[in-house]
Amino acid sequence: MVITLTDNASARIKEMMEEESEGAILRFGIKGGGCSGLSYSLGFEYEVNDELDSVQQINGIPVVLSNQDIPIIEGTTIDFKQNMMGGGFSIDNPNAIVSCGCGSSFRTKDKVGTPGDC
């Protein structure tokens, strides 16, 4: 398995999927940007490109990953944490060697990216 969803993350994602239209698939990946060069992308979509994407079933959730992103996100754990200020997803990527202070971007040893603004 490329990524891991904790029980808390899985429960929250399933709740969110119930609010989406039928056929929603979770997509997790990266995009260029942020002060460290790369940012995470987590959201729903309804189409998969069989040539460019891989779909995995994780805790009963279909998750689509870009084949290009897999080496960068391999081993990542996604969690959901709730506190008095609200809740949010946290991402622990063992391939990230640098994260920005705001926590929304990162850099890896092999994929430096182009740093920008947070």
N, C-alpha and C. Protein backbone atom coordinates (compact mmCIF):
# COMPACT_ATOMS: atom_id res chain seq x y z
N MET A 1 0.84 -1.18 0.00
CA MET A 1 0.00 0.00 0.00
C MET A 1 0.89 1.25 0.00
N VAL A 2 0.57 2.19 -0.85
CA VAL A 2 1.40 3.39 -0.99
C VAL A 2 1.22 4.32 0.20
N ILE A 3 -0.04 4.56 0.59
CA ILE A 3 -0.31 5.45 1.73
C ILE A 3 -1.15 4.72 2.75
N THR A 4 -1.19 5.28 3.96
CA THR A 4 -2.00 4.74 5.05
C THR A 4 -2.98 5.81 5.50
N LEU A 5 -4.22 5.41 5.72
CA LEU A 5 -5.22 6.27 6.34
C LEU A 5 -5.47 5.73 7.74
N THR A 6 -5.32 6.58 8.75
CA THR A 6 -5.62 6.14 10.10
C THR A 6 -7.13 5.93 10.24
N ASP A 7 -7.54 5.29 11.33
CA ASP A 7 -8.97 5.08 11.57
C ASP A 7 -9.71 6.41 11.64
N ASN A 8 -9.11 7.41 12.29
CA ASN A 8 -9.76 8.73 12.39
C ASN A 8 -9.90 9.37 11.02
N ALA A 9 -8.87 9.30 10.19
CA ALA A 9 -8.93 9.87 8.85
C ALA A 9 -9.97 9.13 8.00
N SER A 10 -9.98 7.81 8.09
CA SER A 10 -10.95 7.03 7.33
C SER A 10 -12.37 7.38 7.71
N ALA A 11 -12.63 7.51 9.00
CA ALA A 11 -13.99 7.84 9.46
C ALA A 11 -14.41 9.22 8.94
N ARG A 12 -13.52 10.19 9.02
CA ARG A 12 -13.86 11.54 8.55
C ARG A 12 -14.06 11.58 7.04
N ILE A 13 -13.21 10.88 6.30
CA ILE A 13 -13.35 10.83 4.85
C ILE A 13 -14.67 10.17 4.46
N LYS A 14 -15.05 9.11 5.14
CA LYS A 14 -16.33 8.44 4.84
C LYS A 14 -17.50 9.39 5.11
N GLU A 15 -17.42 10.18 6.18
CA GLU A 15 -18.46 11.17 6.46
C GLU A 15 -18.53 12.19 5.32
N MET A 16 -17.39 12.66 4.88
CA MET A 16 -17.33 13.65 3.81
C MET A 16 -17.85 13.07 2.49
N MET A 17 -17.55 11.79 2.24
CA MET A 17 -18.00 11.15 1.01
C MET A 17 -19.53 11.05 0.96
N GLU A 18 -20.16 10.90 2.12
CA GLU A 18 -21.61 10.85 2.16
C GLU A 18 -22.24 12.16 1.70
N GLU A 19 -21.52 13.26 1.84
CA GLU A 19 -22.00 14.57 1.41
C GLU A 19 -21.73 14.83 -0.07
N GLU A 20 -20.88 14.02 -0.68
CA GLU A 20 -20.54 14.17 -2.10
C GLU A 20 -21.56 13.41 -2.96
N SER A 21 -21.55 13.70 -4.24
CA SER A 21 -22.38 12.96 -5.19
C SER A 21 -21.88 11.52 -5.28
N GLU A 22 -22.77 10.63 -5.67
CA GLU A 22 -22.41 9.23 -5.82
C GLU A 22 -21.27 9.09 -6.83
N GLY A 23 -20.34 8.20 -6.53
CA GLY A 23 -19.21 7.98 -7.42
C GLY A 23 -17.98 8.79 -7.06
N ALA A 24 -18.03 9.54 -5.97
CA ALA A 24 -16.87 10.33 -5.57
C ALA A 24 -15.71 9.42 -5.17
N ILE A 25 -14.53 9.81 -5.59
CA ILE A 25 -13.31 9.09 -5.27
C ILE A 25 -12.34 10.08 -4.64
N LEU A 26 -11.68 9.66 -3.57
CA LEU A 26 -10.69 10.52 -2.93
C LEU A 26 -9.42 10.53 -3.77
N ARG A 27 -8.90 11.73 -4.04
CA ARG A 27 -7.60 11.85 -4.71
C ARG A 27 -6.62 12.49 -3.74
N PHE A 28 -5.47 11.84 -3.61
CA PHE A 28 -4.39 12.39 -2.81
C PHE A 28 -3.17 12.49 -3.70
N GLY A 29 -2.48 13.62 -3.63
CA GLY A 29 -1.28 13.78 -4.43
C GLY A 29 -0.54 15.04 -4.05
N ILE A 30 0.30 15.48 -4.96
CA ILE A 30 1.10 16.67 -4.73
C ILE A 30 0.96 17.61 -5.92
N LYS A 31 1.30 18.84 -5.68
CA LYS A 31 1.36 19.84 -6.76
C LYS A 31 2.49 20.79 -6.42
N GLY A 32 2.98 21.47 -7.41
CA GLY A 32 4.04 22.44 -7.19
C GLY A 32 3.49 23.66 -6.48
N GLY A 33 4.29 24.24 -5.60
CA GLY A 33 3.88 25.46 -4.92
C GLY A 33 4.20 25.44 -3.45
N GLY A 34 3.99 26.56 -2.82
CA GLY A 34 4.30 26.71 -1.41
C GLY A 34 5.74 27.13 -1.21
N CYS A 35 6.06 27.57 -0.02
CA CYS A 35 7.39 28.12 0.23
C CYS A 35 8.49 27.05 0.22
N SER A 36 8.13 25.77 0.34
CA SER A 36 9.15 24.72 0.29
C SER A 36 9.21 24.01 -1.06
N GLY A 37 8.27 24.29 -1.95
CA GLY A 37 8.35 23.74 -3.29
C GLY A 37 7.22 22.82 -3.71
N LEU A 38 6.68 22.00 -2.81
CA LEU A 38 5.60 21.07 -3.12
C LEU A 38 4.50 21.22 -2.08
N SER A 39 3.25 21.02 -2.51
CA SER A 39 2.11 21.06 -1.60
C SER A 39 1.28 19.81 -1.80
N TYR A 40 0.57 19.41 -0.76
CA TYR A 40 -0.32 18.26 -0.85
C TYR A 40 -1.66 18.68 -1.42
N SER A 41 -2.30 17.75 -2.09
CA SER A 41 -3.63 17.95 -2.63
C SER A 41 -4.50 16.79 -2.16
N LEU A 42 -5.63 17.11 -1.54
CA LEU A 42 -6.54 16.09 -1.02
C LEU A 42 -7.96 16.55 -1.32
N GLY A 43 -8.68 15.79 -2.10
CA GLY A 43 -10.04 16.19 -2.46
C GLY A 43 -10.76 15.07 -3.19
N PHE A 44 -11.97 15.36 -3.65
CA PHE A 44 -12.77 14.37 -4.34
C PHE A 44 -12.84 14.66 -5.83
N GLU A 45 -12.93 13.61 -6.60
CA GLU A 45 -13.16 13.74 -8.03
C GLU A 45 -13.97 12.53 -8.49
N TYR A 46 -14.34 12.54 -9.76
CA TYR A 46 -15.27 11.53 -10.26
C TYR A 46 -14.74 10.75 -11.45
N GLU A 47 -13.55 11.08 -11.92
CA GLU A 47 -12.98 10.38 -13.06
C GLU A 47 -11.54 9.99 -12.76
N VAL A 48 -11.14 8.85 -13.33
CA VAL A 48 -9.78 8.35 -13.17
C VAL A 48 -9.21 8.14 -14.56
N ASN A 49 -7.97 8.55 -14.75
CA ASN A 49 -7.26 8.30 -16.00
C ASN A 49 -6.46 7.01 -15.82
N ASP A 50 -6.93 5.93 -16.44
CA ASP A 50 -6.31 4.62 -16.25
C ASP A 50 -4.84 4.57 -16.65
N GLU A 51 -4.42 5.45 -17.53
CA GLU A 51 -3.02 5.46 -17.96
C GLU A 51 -2.11 6.22 -17.00
N LEU A 52 -2.67 7.20 -16.29
CA LEU A 52 -1.85 8.06 -15.43
C LEU A 52 -2.05 7.83 -13.94
N ASP A 53 -3.14 7.15 -13.57
CA ASP A 53 -3.52 7.00 -12.16
C ASP A 53 -3.57 5.55 -11.72
N SER A 54 -3.44 5.36 -10.42
CA SER A 54 -3.67 4.07 -9.77
C SER A 54 -4.75 4.26 -8.72
N VAL A 55 -5.63 3.29 -8.58
CA VAL A 55 -6.67 3.35 -7.56
C VAL A 55 -6.42 2.23 -6.56
N GLN A 56 -6.43 2.60 -5.28
CA GLN A 56 -6.27 1.63 -4.21
C GLN A 56 -7.47 1.70 -3.29
N GLN A 57 -7.87 0.57 -2.74
CA GLN A 57 -8.90 0.53 -1.72
C GLN A 57 -8.19 0.55 -0.37
N ILE A 58 -8.41 1.60 0.40
CA ILE A 58 -7.77 1.73 1.71
C ILE A 58 -8.86 1.90 2.74
N ASN A 59 -8.99 0.94 3.63
CA ASN A 59 -10.04 0.95 4.66
C ASN A 59 -11.42 1.14 4.04
N GLY A 60 -11.66 0.53 2.89
CA GLY A 60 -12.95 0.62 2.22
C GLY A 60 -13.17 1.91 1.45
N ILE A 61 -12.13 2.70 1.29
CA ILE A 61 -12.23 3.99 0.58
C ILE A 61 -11.42 3.89 -0.71
N PRO A 62 -12.05 4.17 -1.86
CA PRO A 62 -11.27 4.21 -3.09
C PRO A 62 -10.41 5.48 -3.11
N VAL A 63 -9.11 5.30 -3.29
CA VAL A 63 -8.17 6.42 -3.29
C VAL A 63 -7.42 6.39 -4.61
N VAL A 64 -7.48 7.50 -5.35
CA VAL A 64 -6.76 7.60 -6.61
C VAL A 64 -5.47 8.37 -6.39
N LEU A 65 -4.39 7.83 -6.95
CA LEU A 65 -3.06 8.43 -6.82
C LEU A 65 -2.47 8.55 -8.22
N SER A 66 -1.85 9.66 -8.51
CA SER A 66 -1.13 9.82 -9.77
C SER A 66 0.11 8.95 -9.72
N ASN A 67 0.32 8.16 -10.76
CA ASN A 67 1.52 7.31 -10.81
C ASN A 67 2.80 8.14 -10.67
N GLN A 68 2.77 9.37 -11.15
CA GLN A 68 3.93 10.26 -11.07
C GLN A 68 4.21 10.67 -9.62
N ASP A 69 3.17 10.77 -8.79
CA ASP A 69 3.33 11.19 -7.39
C ASP A 69 3.75 10.06 -6.46
N ILE A 70 3.51 8.82 -6.84
CA ILE A 70 3.72 7.69 -5.93
C ILE A 70 5.12 7.66 -5.32
N PRO A 71 6.21 7.86 -6.07
CA PRO A 71 7.53 7.83 -5.41
C PRO A 71 7.70 8.91 -4.33
N ILE A 72 6.99 10.01 -4.47
CA ILE A 72 7.13 11.12 -3.52
C ILE A 72 6.26 10.91 -2.28
N ILE A 73 5.12 10.22 -2.43
CA ILE A 73 4.21 10.04 -1.30
C ILE A 73 4.25 8.64 -0.70
N GLU A 74 5.09 7.78 -1.23
CA GLU A 74 5.22 6.41 -0.73
C GLU A 74 5.49 6.42 0.78
N GLY A 75 4.68 5.68 1.53
CA GLY A 75 4.86 5.58 2.97
C GLY A 75 4.16 6.65 3.79
N THR A 76 3.42 7.55 3.12
CA THR A 76 2.75 8.65 3.81
C THR A 76 1.56 8.14 4.64
N THR A 77 1.39 8.73 5.82
CA THR A 77 0.24 8.45 6.67
C THR A 77 -0.60 9.71 6.78
N ILE A 78 -1.90 9.56 6.54
CA ILE A 78 -2.85 10.67 6.68
C ILE A 78 -3.70 10.40 7.91
N ASP A 79 -3.77 11.39 8.79
CA ASP A 79 -4.55 11.29 10.03
C ASP A 79 -5.53 12.45 10.07
N PHE A 80 -6.54 12.34 10.90
CA PHE A 80 -7.46 13.44 11.16
C PHE A 80 -7.47 13.67 12.66
N LYS A 81 -7.24 14.92 13.05
CA LYS A 81 -7.18 15.27 14.47
C LYS A 81 -8.24 16.32 14.77
N GLN A 82 -8.96 16.09 15.84
CA GLN A 82 -10.01 17.01 16.29
C GLN A 82 -9.56 17.63 17.61
N ASN A 83 -9.73 18.95 17.74
CA ASN A 83 -9.44 19.61 19.00
C ASN A 83 -10.47 20.71 19.22
N MET A 84 -10.29 21.50 20.25
CA MET A 84 -11.28 22.54 20.58
C MET A 84 -11.39 23.61 19.49
N MET A 85 -10.36 23.77 18.70
CA MET A 85 -10.35 24.78 17.64
C MET A 85 -10.93 24.24 16.33
N GLY A 86 -11.29 22.98 16.30
CA GLY A 86 -11.80 22.36 15.09
C GLY A 86 -11.00 21.12 14.77
N GLY A 87 -11.00 20.74 13.53
CA GLY A 87 -10.29 19.54 13.13
C GLY A 87 -9.61 19.73 11.80
N GLY A 88 -8.72 18.83 11.50
CA GLY A 88 -8.04 18.90 10.22
C GLY A 88 -7.21 17.66 9.98
N PHE A 89 -6.86 17.48 8.72
CA PHE A 89 -6.02 16.35 8.33
C PHE A 89 -4.55 16.71 8.55
N SER A 90 -3.79 15.73 9.01
CA SER A 90 -2.35 15.91 9.12
C SER A 90 -1.69 14.84 8.25
N ILE A 91 -0.59 15.21 7.64
CA ILE A 91 0.08 14.33 6.70
C ILE A 91 1.52 14.13 7.16
N ASP A 92 1.88 12.87 7.34
CA ASP A 92 3.25 12.52 7.74
C ASP A 92 3.89 11.77 6.58
N ASN A 93 4.78 12.47 5.87
CA ASN A 93 5.44 11.91 4.70
C ASN A 93 6.91 11.67 5.05
N PRO A 94 7.34 10.40 5.10
CA PRO A 94 8.73 10.12 5.44
C PRO A 94 9.73 10.60 4.38
N ASN A 95 9.24 10.95 3.20
CA ASN A 95 10.11 11.43 2.13
C ASN A 95 10.36 12.93 2.19
N ALA A 96 9.60 13.63 3.01
CA ALA A 96 9.77 15.08 3.15
C ALA A 96 10.97 15.36 4.04
N ILE A 97 11.92 16.12 3.53
CA ILE A 97 13.10 16.46 4.33
C ILE A 97 13.00 17.86 4.92
N VAL A 98 12.13 18.70 4.33
CA VAL A 98 11.94 20.07 4.80
C VAL A 98 10.46 20.40 4.69
N SER A 99 9.90 20.99 5.74
CA SER A 99 8.54 21.50 5.70
C SER A 99 8.58 22.96 6.05
N CYS A 100 7.64 23.72 5.50
CA CYS A 100 7.62 25.15 5.82
C CYS A 100 6.97 25.35 7.19
N GLY A 101 7.13 26.53 7.74
CA GLY A 101 6.59 26.84 9.05
C GLY A 101 5.09 26.73 9.13
N CYS A 102 4.39 27.04 8.03
CA CYS A 102 2.93 26.96 8.06
C CYS A 102 2.44 25.53 7.85
N GLY A 103 3.33 24.61 7.50
CA GLY A 103 2.98 23.20 7.39
C GLY A 103 2.25 22.81 6.12
N SER A 104 2.13 23.73 5.17
CA SER A 104 1.36 23.39 3.97
C SER A 104 2.23 23.02 2.78
N SER A 105 3.53 23.09 2.91
CA SER A 105 4.38 22.68 1.79
C SER A 105 5.61 21.94 2.32
N PHE A 106 6.27 21.25 1.41
CA PHE A 106 7.41 20.42 1.79
C PHE A 106 8.37 20.29 0.62
N ARG A 107 9.50 19.69 0.90
CA ARG A 107 10.51 19.40 -0.12
C ARG A 107 11.07 18.01 0.16
N THR A 108 11.41 17.28 -0.90
CA THR A 108 12.03 15.97 -0.74
C THR A 108 13.47 16.04 -1.25
N LYS A 109 14.23 15.02 -0.93
CA LYS A 109 15.62 14.96 -1.35
C LYS A 109 15.73 14.97 -2.88
N ASP A 110 14.86 14.20 -3.55
CA ASP A 110 14.96 14.06 -5.00
C ASP A 110 14.11 15.05 -5.77
N LYS A 111 13.03 15.54 -5.19
CA LYS A 111 12.09 16.43 -5.88
C LYS A 111 12.03 17.76 -5.14
N VAL A 112 12.98 18.61 -5.39
CA VAL A 112 13.08 19.85 -4.65
C VAL A 112 11.90 20.78 -4.94
N GLY A 113 11.46 20.90 -6.19
CA GLY A 113 10.40 21.82 -6.52
C GLY A 113 10.91 23.24 -6.56
N THR A 114 10.03 24.16 -6.84
CA THR A 114 10.38 25.57 -6.90
C THR A 114 9.69 26.29 -5.75
N PRO A 115 10.42 26.71 -4.74
CA PRO A 115 9.80 27.38 -3.60
C PRO A 115 9.06 28.65 -4.04
N GLY A 116 7.95 28.91 -3.38
CA GLY A 116 7.15 30.09 -3.64
C GLY A 116 6.64 30.65 -2.33
N ASP A 117 5.49 31.30 -2.36
CA ASP A 117 4.91 31.88 -1.16
C ASP A 117 3.99 30.89 -0.46
N CYS A 118 3.94 30.97 0.87
CA CYS A 118 2.97 30.18 1.63
C CYS A 118 1.64 30.86 1.62
